[in-house]
Amino acid sequence: MLVIQYKSNKLEKVCTDYTYAKKEYSERMAILIHQRIDEIRAAISVEMLVQFSIGRCHPLQGNRKGQYAMDLVHPYRLIFEQQDKTLQIVKIIKIEDYH
């Protein structure tokens, strides 16, 4: 099971409070944000998320090397980094359209 940390209190609130996420984005987006958080929490490793393409999880490249993205409502992505591989900690850092 992966442990989740958040870059900011606002981001944590979006990812843990469905009503707040719906107010900030939309109902469809709130559903997907919370689904992705549940998928991350249920996974045993980041590699598992990538291997089984859960939420179309994929590593980013270039100046975002070390970060991963999962699909939300197109074109938005949930961006996270693996903080500690041995303890299986990830840090949610952004919800954005990086294209």
N, C-alpha and C. Protein backbone atom coordinates (compact mmCIF):
# COMPACT_ATOMS: atom_id res chain seq x y z
N MET A 1 0.83 -1.18 0.00
CA MET A 1 0.00 0.00 0.00
C MET A 1 0.88 1.25 0.00
N LEU A 2 0.58 2.16 -0.93
CA LEU A 2 1.35 3.39 -1.00
C LEU A 2 0.82 4.42 -0.01
N VAL A 3 1.73 5.14 0.60
CA VAL A 3 1.38 6.22 1.52
C VAL A 3 1.40 7.51 0.71
N ILE A 4 0.39 8.35 0.90
CA ILE A 4 0.28 9.58 0.11
C ILE A 4 0.53 10.81 0.97
N GLN A 5 1.40 11.68 0.44
CA GLN A 5 1.63 13.00 1.03
C GLN A 5 1.19 14.02 -0.02
N TYR A 6 1.03 15.27 0.40
CA TYR A 6 0.56 16.31 -0.52
C TYR A 6 1.48 17.52 -0.44
N LYS A 7 1.64 18.19 -1.59
CA LYS A 7 2.51 19.36 -1.66
C LYS A 7 1.92 20.55 -0.90
N SER A 8 0.60 20.65 -0.86
CA SER A 8 -0.03 21.78 -0.17
C SER A 8 -1.31 21.34 0.53
N ASN A 9 -1.75 22.14 1.47
CA ASN A 9 -3.00 21.85 2.17
C ASN A 9 -4.19 21.91 1.23
N LYS A 10 -4.17 22.87 0.29
CA LYS A 10 -5.28 22.99 -0.67
C LYS A 10 -5.36 21.75 -1.54
N LEU A 11 -4.23 21.27 -2.01
CA LEU A 11 -4.20 20.06 -2.84
C LEU A 11 -4.69 18.86 -2.04
N GLU A 12 -4.30 18.78 -0.79
CA GLU A 12 -4.78 17.68 0.06
C GLU A 12 -6.29 17.75 0.22
N LYS A 13 -6.81 18.95 0.40
CA LYS A 13 -8.26 19.10 0.56
C LYS A 13 -9.00 18.68 -0.71
N VAL A 14 -8.48 19.06 -1.87
CA VAL A 14 -9.09 18.66 -3.15
C VAL A 14 -9.09 17.14 -3.26
N CYS A 15 -8.01 16.49 -2.85
CA CYS A 15 -7.85 15.05 -3.00
C CYS A 15 -8.56 14.23 -1.92
N THR A 16 -8.96 14.88 -0.82
CA THR A 16 -9.58 14.12 0.27
C THR A 16 -11.01 14.55 0.58
N ASP A 17 -11.43 15.69 0.06
CA ASP A 17 -12.78 16.22 0.32
C ASP A 17 -13.52 16.34 -1.01
N TYR A 18 -14.40 15.37 -1.28
CA TYR A 18 -15.10 15.30 -2.56
C TYR A 18 -15.89 16.59 -2.84
N THR A 19 -16.60 17.09 -1.85
CA THR A 19 -17.42 18.30 -2.04
C THR A 19 -16.56 19.49 -2.43
N TYR A 20 -15.41 19.62 -1.80
CA TYR A 20 -14.48 20.70 -2.12
C TYR A 20 -13.93 20.53 -3.54
N ALA A 21 -13.56 19.30 -3.90
CA ALA A 21 -13.03 19.03 -5.25
C ALA A 21 -14.08 19.37 -6.31
N LYS A 22 -15.33 19.02 -6.04
CA LYS A 22 -16.42 19.31 -6.98
C LYS A 22 -16.60 20.82 -7.16
N LYS A 23 -16.46 21.57 -6.06
CA LYS A 23 -16.60 23.02 -6.10
C LYS A 23 -15.44 23.65 -6.88
N GLU A 24 -14.23 23.13 -6.69
CA GLU A 24 -13.04 23.68 -7.34
C GLU A 24 -12.96 23.33 -8.84
N TYR A 25 -13.45 22.15 -9.20
CA TYR A 25 -13.34 21.68 -10.58
C TYR A 25 -14.74 21.41 -11.15
N SER A 26 -15.15 20.17 -11.15
CA SER A 26 -16.47 19.77 -11.62
C SER A 26 -16.77 18.41 -11.00
N GLU A 27 -17.99 17.95 -11.13
CA GLU A 27 -18.33 16.66 -10.54
C GLU A 27 -17.53 15.54 -11.18
N ARG A 28 -17.44 15.53 -12.49
CA ARG A 28 -16.70 14.48 -13.20
C ARG A 28 -15.22 14.47 -12.79
N MET A 29 -14.65 15.68 -12.68
CA MET A 29 -13.25 15.80 -12.29
C MET A 29 -13.07 15.32 -10.85
N ALA A 30 -13.98 15.70 -9.94
CA ALA A 30 -13.89 15.29 -8.54
C ALA A 30 -13.95 13.77 -8.42
N ILE A 31 -14.83 13.15 -9.19
CA ILE A 31 -14.94 11.68 -9.18
C ILE A 31 -13.61 11.06 -9.58
N LEU A 32 -13.02 11.56 -10.67
CA LEU A 32 -11.76 10.99 -11.16
C LEU A 32 -10.59 11.26 -10.21
N ILE A 33 -10.53 12.45 -9.62
CA ILE A 33 -9.45 12.75 -8.67
C ILE A 33 -9.51 11.74 -7.52
N HIS A 34 -10.69 11.53 -6.97
CA HIS A 34 -10.83 10.63 -5.83
C HIS A 34 -10.62 9.16 -6.23
N GLN A 35 -11.00 8.82 -7.46
CA GLN A 35 -10.73 7.47 -7.95
C GLN A 35 -9.23 7.24 -8.06
N ARG A 36 -8.50 8.23 -8.60
CA ARG A 36 -7.04 8.09 -8.75
C ARG A 36 -6.36 7.98 -7.38
N ILE A 37 -6.81 8.77 -6.41
CA ILE A 37 -6.22 8.70 -5.06
C ILE A 37 -6.46 7.30 -4.48
N ASP A 38 -7.66 6.76 -4.66
CA ASP A 38 -7.96 5.40 -4.18
C ASP A 38 -7.08 4.37 -4.88
N GLU A 39 -6.85 4.55 -6.19
CA GLU A 39 -6.00 3.61 -6.94
C GLU A 39 -4.55 3.67 -6.44
N ILE A 40 -4.06 4.88 -6.18
CA ILE A 40 -2.69 5.03 -5.67
C ILE A 40 -2.59 4.37 -4.30
N ARG A 41 -3.55 4.66 -3.44
CA ARG A 41 -3.55 4.11 -2.08
C ARG A 41 -3.58 2.58 -2.10
N ALA A 42 -4.31 1.99 -3.04
CA ALA A 42 -4.47 0.54 -3.11
C ALA A 42 -3.27 -0.18 -3.73
N ALA A 43 -2.46 0.55 -4.48
CA ALA A 43 -1.32 -0.06 -5.17
C ALA A 43 -0.22 -0.41 -4.18
N ILE A 44 0.55 -1.43 -4.53
CA ILE A 44 1.67 -1.81 -3.66
C ILE A 44 2.96 -1.08 -4.04
N SER A 45 2.98 -0.50 -5.27
CA SER A 45 4.16 0.26 -5.69
C SER A 45 3.80 1.14 -6.88
N VAL A 46 4.64 2.14 -7.12
CA VAL A 46 4.46 2.99 -8.30
C VAL A 46 4.65 2.14 -9.55
N GLU A 47 5.59 1.21 -9.50
CA GLU A 47 5.84 0.33 -10.65
C GLU A 47 4.58 -0.44 -11.04
N MET A 48 3.80 -0.85 -10.04
CA MET A 48 2.55 -1.56 -10.31
C MET A 48 1.58 -0.66 -11.07
N LEU A 49 1.47 0.60 -10.66
CA LEU A 49 0.59 1.55 -11.35
C LEU A 49 0.99 1.69 -12.82
N VAL A 50 2.31 1.79 -13.06
CA VAL A 50 2.82 1.95 -14.42
C VAL A 50 2.63 0.66 -15.22
N GLN A 51 3.04 -0.47 -14.63
CA GLN A 51 2.99 -1.76 -15.33
C GLN A 51 1.58 -2.12 -15.80
N PHE A 52 0.58 -1.88 -14.94
CA PHE A 52 -0.78 -2.24 -15.29
C PHE A 52 -1.56 -1.05 -15.86
N SER A 53 -0.85 0.05 -16.12
CA SER A 53 -1.43 1.26 -16.72
C SER A 53 -2.70 1.70 -15.98
N ILE A 54 -2.64 1.67 -14.66
CA ILE A 54 -3.78 2.07 -13.85
C ILE A 54 -3.93 3.58 -13.96
N GLY A 55 -5.08 4.02 -14.45
CA GLY A 55 -5.29 5.44 -14.68
C GLY A 55 -4.36 6.00 -15.74
N ARG A 56 -3.88 5.12 -16.60
CA ARG A 56 -2.87 5.46 -17.62
C ARG A 56 -1.65 6.11 -16.98
N CYS A 57 -1.24 5.57 -15.84
CA CYS A 57 -0.08 6.07 -15.10
C CYS A 57 1.18 5.89 -15.94
N HIS A 58 1.95 6.97 -16.06
CA HIS A 58 3.19 6.88 -16.85
C HIS A 58 4.23 7.85 -16.30
N PRO A 59 5.51 7.48 -16.43
CA PRO A 59 6.58 8.37 -15.99
C PRO A 59 6.70 9.54 -16.97
N LEU A 60 7.05 10.70 -16.44
CA LEU A 60 7.26 11.87 -17.30
C LEU A 60 8.74 11.98 -17.65
N GLN A 61 9.02 12.81 -18.65
CA GLN A 61 10.40 12.91 -19.15
C GLN A 61 10.89 14.35 -19.11
N GLY A 62 12.11 14.54 -19.55
CA GLY A 62 12.69 15.88 -19.63
C GLY A 62 12.84 16.50 -18.26
N ASN A 63 12.40 17.78 -18.14
CA ASN A 63 12.55 18.47 -16.85
C ASN A 63 11.57 17.95 -15.80
N ARG A 64 10.72 17.01 -16.17
CA ARG A 64 9.78 16.39 -15.22
C ARG A 64 10.20 14.95 -14.89
N LYS A 65 11.45 14.60 -15.22
CA LYS A 65 11.94 13.26 -14.90
C LYS A 65 11.81 13.01 -13.40
N GLY A 66 11.33 11.83 -13.04
CA GLY A 66 11.11 11.51 -11.63
C GLY A 66 9.67 11.74 -11.19
N GLN A 67 8.88 12.34 -12.10
CA GLN A 67 7.47 12.56 -11.81
C GLN A 67 6.63 11.59 -12.63
N TYR A 68 5.40 11.35 -12.17
CA TYR A 68 4.47 10.46 -12.84
C TYR A 68 3.15 11.19 -13.02
N ALA A 69 2.39 10.77 -14.04
CA ALA A 69 1.09 11.39 -14.30
C ALA A 69 0.02 10.31 -14.45
N MET A 70 -1.18 10.65 -14.00
CA MET A 70 -2.36 9.80 -14.20
C MET A 70 -3.45 10.66 -14.83
N ASP A 71 -4.21 10.09 -15.75
CA ASP A 71 -5.25 10.83 -16.44
C ASP A 71 -6.39 11.24 -15.53
N LEU A 72 -6.87 12.46 -15.76
CA LEU A 72 -8.11 12.93 -15.15
C LEU A 72 -9.02 13.29 -16.32
N VAL A 73 -9.85 14.29 -16.20
CA VAL A 73 -10.66 14.75 -17.33
C VAL A 73 -9.70 15.44 -18.30
N HIS A 74 -9.69 14.98 -19.55
CA HIS A 74 -8.76 15.52 -20.55
C HIS A 74 -8.88 17.03 -20.60
N PRO A 75 -7.80 17.78 -20.59
CA PRO A 75 -6.39 17.41 -20.69
C PRO A 75 -5.69 17.37 -19.33
N TYR A 76 -6.42 17.34 -18.22
CA TYR A 76 -5.81 17.41 -16.90
C TYR A 76 -5.19 16.09 -16.46
N ARG A 77 -4.12 16.22 -15.66
CA ARG A 77 -3.42 15.07 -15.11
C ARG A 77 -3.17 15.28 -13.62
N LEU A 78 -3.12 14.17 -12.89
CA LEU A 78 -2.70 14.18 -11.49
C LEU A 78 -1.21 13.86 -11.50
N ILE A 79 -0.39 14.78 -11.01
CA ILE A 79 1.07 14.63 -11.05
C ILE A 79 1.59 14.28 -9.65
N PHE A 80 2.47 13.26 -9.60
CA PHE A 80 3.06 12.91 -8.31
C PHE A 80 4.50 12.46 -8.47
N GLU A 81 5.21 12.46 -7.36
CA GLU A 81 6.60 11.99 -7.31
C GLU A 81 6.69 10.86 -6.30
N GLN A 82 7.63 9.97 -6.54
CA GLN A 82 7.88 8.92 -5.55
C GLN A 82 8.89 9.49 -4.57
N GLN A 83 8.48 9.64 -3.31
CA GLN A 83 9.32 10.23 -2.28
C GLN A 83 10.33 9.24 -1.72
N ASP A 84 9.88 8.05 -1.41
CA ASP A 84 10.74 7.05 -0.79
C ASP A 84 10.34 5.68 -1.31
N LYS A 85 11.23 5.09 -2.08
CA LYS A 85 10.92 3.81 -2.72
C LYS A 85 10.81 2.66 -1.70
N THR A 86 11.65 2.66 -0.68
CA THR A 86 11.61 1.56 0.28
C THR A 86 10.38 1.63 1.17
N LEU A 87 9.94 2.86 1.50
CA LEU A 87 8.75 3.01 2.33
C LEU A 87 7.47 3.15 1.50
N GLN A 88 7.64 3.23 0.18
CA GLN A 88 6.51 3.37 -0.75
C GLN A 88 5.66 4.60 -0.43
N ILE A 89 6.32 5.76 -0.44
CA ILE A 89 5.64 7.04 -0.20
C ILE A 89 5.63 7.83 -1.50
N VAL A 90 4.46 8.36 -1.85
CA VAL A 90 4.36 9.25 -3.01
C VAL A 90 3.85 10.60 -2.55
N LYS A 91 4.19 11.64 -3.32
CA LYS A 91 3.75 12.99 -2.99
C LYS A 91 2.98 13.55 -4.18
N ILE A 92 1.71 13.86 -3.95
CA ILE A 92 0.89 14.48 -4.99
C ILE A 92 1.35 15.93 -5.08
N ILE A 93 1.77 16.37 -6.28
CA ILE A 93 2.32 17.72 -6.38
C ILE A 93 1.46 18.68 -7.20
N LYS A 94 0.60 18.17 -8.11
CA LYS A 94 -0.18 19.10 -8.93
C LYS A 94 -1.33 18.40 -9.62
N ILE A 95 -2.34 19.18 -9.94
CA ILE A 95 -3.38 18.78 -10.89
C ILE A 95 -3.31 19.84 -11.97
N GLU A 96 -2.92 19.44 -13.18
CA GLU A 96 -2.71 20.45 -14.22
C GLU A 96 -2.80 19.87 -15.63
N ASP A 97 -2.88 20.79 -16.58
CA ASP A 97 -2.77 20.45 -18.00
C ASP A 97 -1.35 20.88 -18.39
N TYR A 98 -0.45 19.91 -18.55
CA TYR A 98 0.95 20.26 -18.86
C TYR A 98 1.26 20.18 -20.34
N HIS A 99 0.27 19.96 -21.17
CA HIS A 99 0.52 19.87 -22.61
C HIS A 99 0.61 21.23 -23.26
